[in-house]
Protein backbone atom coordinates (compact mmCIF):
# COMPACT_ATOMS: atom_id res chain seq x y z
CA MET A 1 -50.64 -28.75 -1.03
CA ALA A 2 -47.08 -27.80 0.19
CA CYS A 3 -46.22 -24.66 2.18
CA GLY A 4 -43.10 -22.48 1.18
CA LEU A 5 -39.96 -22.04 3.01
CA VAL A 6 -40.58 -22.38 6.72
CA VAL A 7 -38.63 -19.77 8.54
CA LYS A 8 -40.43 -19.86 11.51
CA THR A 9 -44.42 -21.39 12.42
CA LEU A 10 -46.48 -19.62 14.80
CA PRO A 11 -50.28 -19.22 15.66
CA PHE A 12 -52.32 -17.66 12.95
CA ARG A 13 -50.95 -13.86 13.11
CA ALA A 14 -48.88 -11.66 10.94
CA GLY A 15 -47.42 -8.54 11.60
CA ALA A 16 -46.29 -6.12 8.78
CA GLY A 17 -44.00 -7.45 6.00
CA GLN A 18 -44.83 -11.06 6.95
CA ARG A 19 -46.54 -13.24 4.08
CA LYS A 20 -49.06 -15.44 5.48
CA GLU A 21 -49.50 -19.18 4.28
CA PRO A 22 -52.85 -20.58 4.83
CA CYS A 23 -51.78 -23.88 3.25
CA CYS A 24 -50.28 -25.05 6.53
CA VAL A 25 -51.97 -27.18 8.81
CA GLY A 26 -53.12 -26.91 12.38
CA GLY A 27 -54.27 -23.37 11.61
CA ALA A 28 -50.68 -21.91 11.76
CA VAL A 29 -48.70 -19.83 9.14
CA THR A 30 -45.32 -19.92 7.90
CA ILE A 31 -43.21 -16.30 8.14
CA ALA A 32 -40.90 -16.01 4.94
CA CYS A 33 -38.95 -12.68 5.45
CA PRO A 34 -38.37 -10.67 2.19
CA ALA A 35 -34.60 -10.31 1.26
CA GLY A 36 -32.71 -7.90 3.49
CA HIS A 37 -34.84 -8.81 6.52
CA VAL A 38 -34.38 -11.68 9.20
CA LEU A 39 -37.07 -12.98 11.99
CA ARG A 40 -36.95 -11.50 15.42
CA GLY A 41 -39.73 -13.08 17.38
CA ASP A 42 -42.52 -13.14 15.08
CA SER A 43 -41.76 -9.95 13.27
CA CYS A 44 -39.49 -9.82 10.18
CA VAL A 45 -37.04 -6.54 10.68
CA VAL A 46 -34.08 -5.12 8.97
CA PRO A 47 -30.73 -5.84 11.01
CA ASP A 48 -28.66 -3.19 12.46
CA CYS A 49 -25.82 -4.21 10.66
CA GLY A 50 -23.95 -0.39 12.06
CA VAL A 51 -22.11 1.78 9.95
CA GLY A 52 -20.43 0.61 6.68
CA ALA A 53 -21.86 -2.71 6.90
CA PHE A 54 -25.05 -4.19 5.08
CA PHE A 55 -27.26 -7.50 6.07
CA ASP A 56 -26.04 -10.37 3.54
CA PRO A 57 -29.06 -12.66 3.09
CA ALA A 58 -26.90 -15.42 1.63
CA ALA A 59 -24.87 -15.81 4.22
CA GLY A 60 -27.55 -14.78 6.89
CA SER A 61 -25.32 -11.84 8.84
CA CYS A 62 -23.97 -8.60 8.72
CA ALA A 63 -20.97 -8.04 6.61
CA CYS A 64 -18.65 -5.09 5.58
CA ARG A 65 -19.60 -2.76 2.71
CA PRO A 66 -16.98 -2.48 -0.11
CA GLY A 67 -14.36 0.14 0.97
CA TYR A 68 -14.88 -1.15 4.40
CA MET A 69 -12.80 -3.92 6.63
CA ALA A 70 -13.96 -5.72 9.86
CA THR A 71 -11.99 -5.42 13.04
CA THR A 72 -11.17 -8.56 15.16
CA SER A 73 -13.59 -7.47 18.02
CA TRP A 74 -17.04 -7.99 15.90
CA ILE A 75 -17.59 -11.33 17.43
CA GLU A 76 -18.14 -9.77 20.75
CA ILE A 77 -21.12 -7.74 19.83
CA GLY A 78 -22.39 -10.30 17.23
CA ARG A 79 -21.78 -7.97 14.06
CA PRO A 80 -18.67 -6.77 12.23
CA ILE A 81 -17.26 -3.24 13.15
CA CYS A 82 -16.50 -1.95 9.95
CA ILE A 83 -13.60 0.76 9.49
CA PRO A 84 -12.99 2.33 6.41
CA CYS A 85 -10.13 0.89 4.44
CA SER A 86 -8.58 4.43 4.14
CA GLU A 87 -7.99 4.54 7.95
CA HIS A 88 -6.15 1.01 7.84
CA PHE A 89 -4.38 1.81 4.71
CA SER A 90 -3.04 5.09 3.18
CA PHE A 91 -4.65 5.51 -0.20
CA CYS A 92 -6.86 2.41 -0.01
CA ASN A 93 -10.07 2.15 -1.65
CA GLU A 94 -11.17 -1.62 -0.95
CA CYS A 95 -9.56 -3.94 1.66
CA ALA A 96 -9.95 -7.38 3.46
CA ILE A 97 -9.02 -8.46 6.77
CA ASP A 98 -6.74 -11.07 5.59
CA LYS A 99 -5.26 -9.84 2.48
CA GLY A 100 -5.16 -5.83 3.64
CA CYS A 101 -5.39 -3.34 0.93
CA THR A 102 -6.81 -5.29 -2.68
CA ASN A 103 -7.59 -1.69 -4.46
CA CYS A 104 -5.65 1.26 -4.22
CA THR A 105 -6.26 5.18 -5.46
CA GLY A 106 -4.85 6.58 -8.71
CA ASP A 107 -1.80 4.90 -10.11
CA LEU A 108 -1.03 3.08 -6.70
CA VAL A 109 -1.04 -0.59 -6.34
CA PRO A 110 -1.28 -3.26 -3.76
CA VAL A 111 2.18 -4.17 -2.38
CA ASN A 112 2.24 -6.02 0.85
CA TRP A 113 -0.72 -5.33 2.31
CA THR A 114 -0.74 -1.79 1.74
CA CYS A 115 -0.35 0.87 -1.54
CA ASP A 116 2.81 1.71 -3.76
CA CYS A 117 4.04 2.82 -6.52
CA PRO A 118 3.51 0.19 -9.65
CA ASN A 119 7.84 0.37 -10.32
CA ASN A 120 11.11 1.31 -8.83
CA SER A 121 11.65 4.06 -10.90
CA THR A 122 9.12 6.07 -8.75
CA TYR A 123 8.28 6.54 -5.12
CA LEU A 124 5.32 7.43 -3.22
CA ASP A 125 4.54 10.57 -1.99
CA SER A 126 3.13 10.43 1.12
CA SER A 127 1.34 13.76 1.32
CA THR A 128 -0.44 13.43 -2.06
CA GLY A 129 -0.63 9.72 -2.82
CA THR A 130 0.96 10.37 -6.09
CA CYS A 131 4.43 8.47 -7.88
CA LEU A 132 6.96 10.81 -8.23
CA PRO A 133 10.21 9.91 -10.54
CA CYS A 134 13.21 8.84 -8.99
CA THR A 135 14.99 11.38 -10.74
CA VAL A 136 13.88 14.02 -8.04
CA TYR A 137 16.60 12.73 -6.20
CA HIS A 138 19.17 13.13 -8.69
CA ALA A 139 18.97 13.17 -12.69
CA GLU A 140 20.99 10.05 -12.62
CA CYS A 141 18.43 7.93 -10.04
CA ILE A 142 17.39 4.86 -11.36
CA GLU A 143 15.45 3.29 -8.91
CA CYS A 144 14.52 4.64 -5.46
CA ASN A 145 12.30 4.55 -2.40
CA ALA A 146 10.47 7.24 -0.13
CA TRP A 147 13.72 8.16 1.33
CA SER A 148 16.54 7.99 -1.04
CA CYS A 149 18.25 6.67 -4.24
CA VAL A 150 18.57 3.22 -4.31
CA THR A 151 20.49 2.48 -7.83
CA CYS A 152 22.29 5.20 -9.72
CA GLY A 153 23.49 5.28 -13.44
CA ASN A 154 26.36 6.46 -15.32
CA ASP A 155 28.53 4.68 -12.88
CA MET A 156 27.49 6.37 -9.91
CA THR A 157 26.69 5.52 -6.57
CA PRO A 158 24.28 6.40 -3.95
CA SER A 159 25.23 9.13 -1.67
CA ASP A 160 24.50 9.59 1.92
CA GLU A 161 22.54 12.80 1.20
CA GLY A 162 19.89 10.37 -0.85
CA GLY A 163 20.68 11.35 -4.35
CA CYS A 164 24.11 10.10 -6.53
CA ALA A 165 27.59 10.73 -6.63
CA CYS A 166 30.76 9.29 -8.32
CA PRO A 167 32.94 7.00 -6.05
CA LEU A 168 35.75 7.96 -4.09
CA THR A 169 38.15 6.57 -6.91
CA HIS A 170 36.30 8.83 -9.58
CA TYR A 171 35.59 12.21 -10.26
CA LEU A 172 32.60 13.99 -11.89
CA SER A 173 33.69 15.48 -15.09
CA PRO A 174 32.40 18.50 -15.76
CA ASP A 175 32.76 18.09 -19.92
CA THR A 176 30.83 14.53 -20.13
CA GLY A 177 28.84 14.73 -16.76
CA GLY A 178 29.87 10.91 -15.81
CA CYS A 179 32.33 9.58 -13.65
CA GLN A 180 36.02 9.34 -14.66
CA PRO A 181 38.72 7.65 -12.64
CA CYS A 182 41.04 9.30 -10.61
CA THR A 183 44.00 8.13 -12.23
CA ASP A 184 43.54 10.77 -14.80
CA PHE A 185 45.22 12.74 -12.46
CA HIS A 186 48.06 10.35 -11.56
CA PRO A 187 48.24 6.77 -11.88
CA SER A 188 48.93 6.33 -8.46
CA CYS A 189 45.70 8.77 -7.29
CA ASN A 190 43.19 6.65 -5.43
CA GLU A 191 40.78 9.46 -4.42
CA CYS A 192 40.11 12.62 -6.23
CA ALA A 193 37.63 15.34 -6.69
CA ALA A 194 37.24 17.11 -9.98
CA GLU A 195 38.44 20.73 -8.81
CA ALA A 196 40.83 19.79 -6.35
CA GLY A 197 42.54 16.95 -8.28
CA CYS A 198 43.96 14.01 -6.33
CA LEU A 199 43.21 13.92 -2.78
CA ALA A 200 44.91 10.63 -1.58
CA CYS A 201 47.71 8.49 -3.28
CA GLY A 202 49.28 5.15 -3.24
CA ASP A 203 52.24 3.64 -3.96
CA GLY A 204 53.91 5.53 -1.11
CA LEU A 205 52.84 9.02 -2.76
CA VAL A 206 51.12 11.68 -1.35
CA PRO A 207 49.09 14.63 -3.07
CA ASP A 208 51.63 17.73 -4.56
CA GLY A 209 49.05 20.09 -3.83
CA SER A 210 48.79 20.56 -7.87
CA GLY A 211 46.30 17.99 -8.47
CA GLY A 212 48.78 15.27 -9.08
CA CYS A 213 51.04 12.61 -6.55
CA ALA A 214 54.48 12.94 -5.39
CA PRO A 215 57.08 11.56 -3.15
CA PRO A 216 57.06 13.07 0.31
CA LYS A 217 59.24 15.48 0.98
């Protein structure tokens, strides 16, 4: 009659939690530890895997629970040191040491090991973990990051202040709300502003003080 899976064969004595197999020859017993236990000496014990870890029977070793990630120093003590994913990556639910964050909170998605907003029309508010629309920077902002607007609409360009503005060769029309060419003030006008008119002229001309261009006096 065959015995069960042999973990260790000992003289016939068994501690709590051990299964005795009288079928074994030589007055010995086979100790088969239950799931979640390992053999230490002649006793089955629950491994001390530490905070955020559990014993994986299939692997025969400790592993980090979901929501935790092992540090690279675990080999030194024979078990993983499991740290919450949120301590490695902001707004992270689950992570892996070779992939970074794999599951994020709220509407965030994994991007380059961390969590970020799912598209460029929003940006991550690092204080709340929520995605805010790029229009926070400017009504014409189409794409942005956490610091400023990156792409603007209606012929506008990103400004040094983080929002959107008309290029120097255009002015913001109070009537249309869009950018109009400086040549509206004068055919030779290169730079302008809605209220002041032409600020810089070409073709040897200079601003005439009335919004247009004129020969220098």
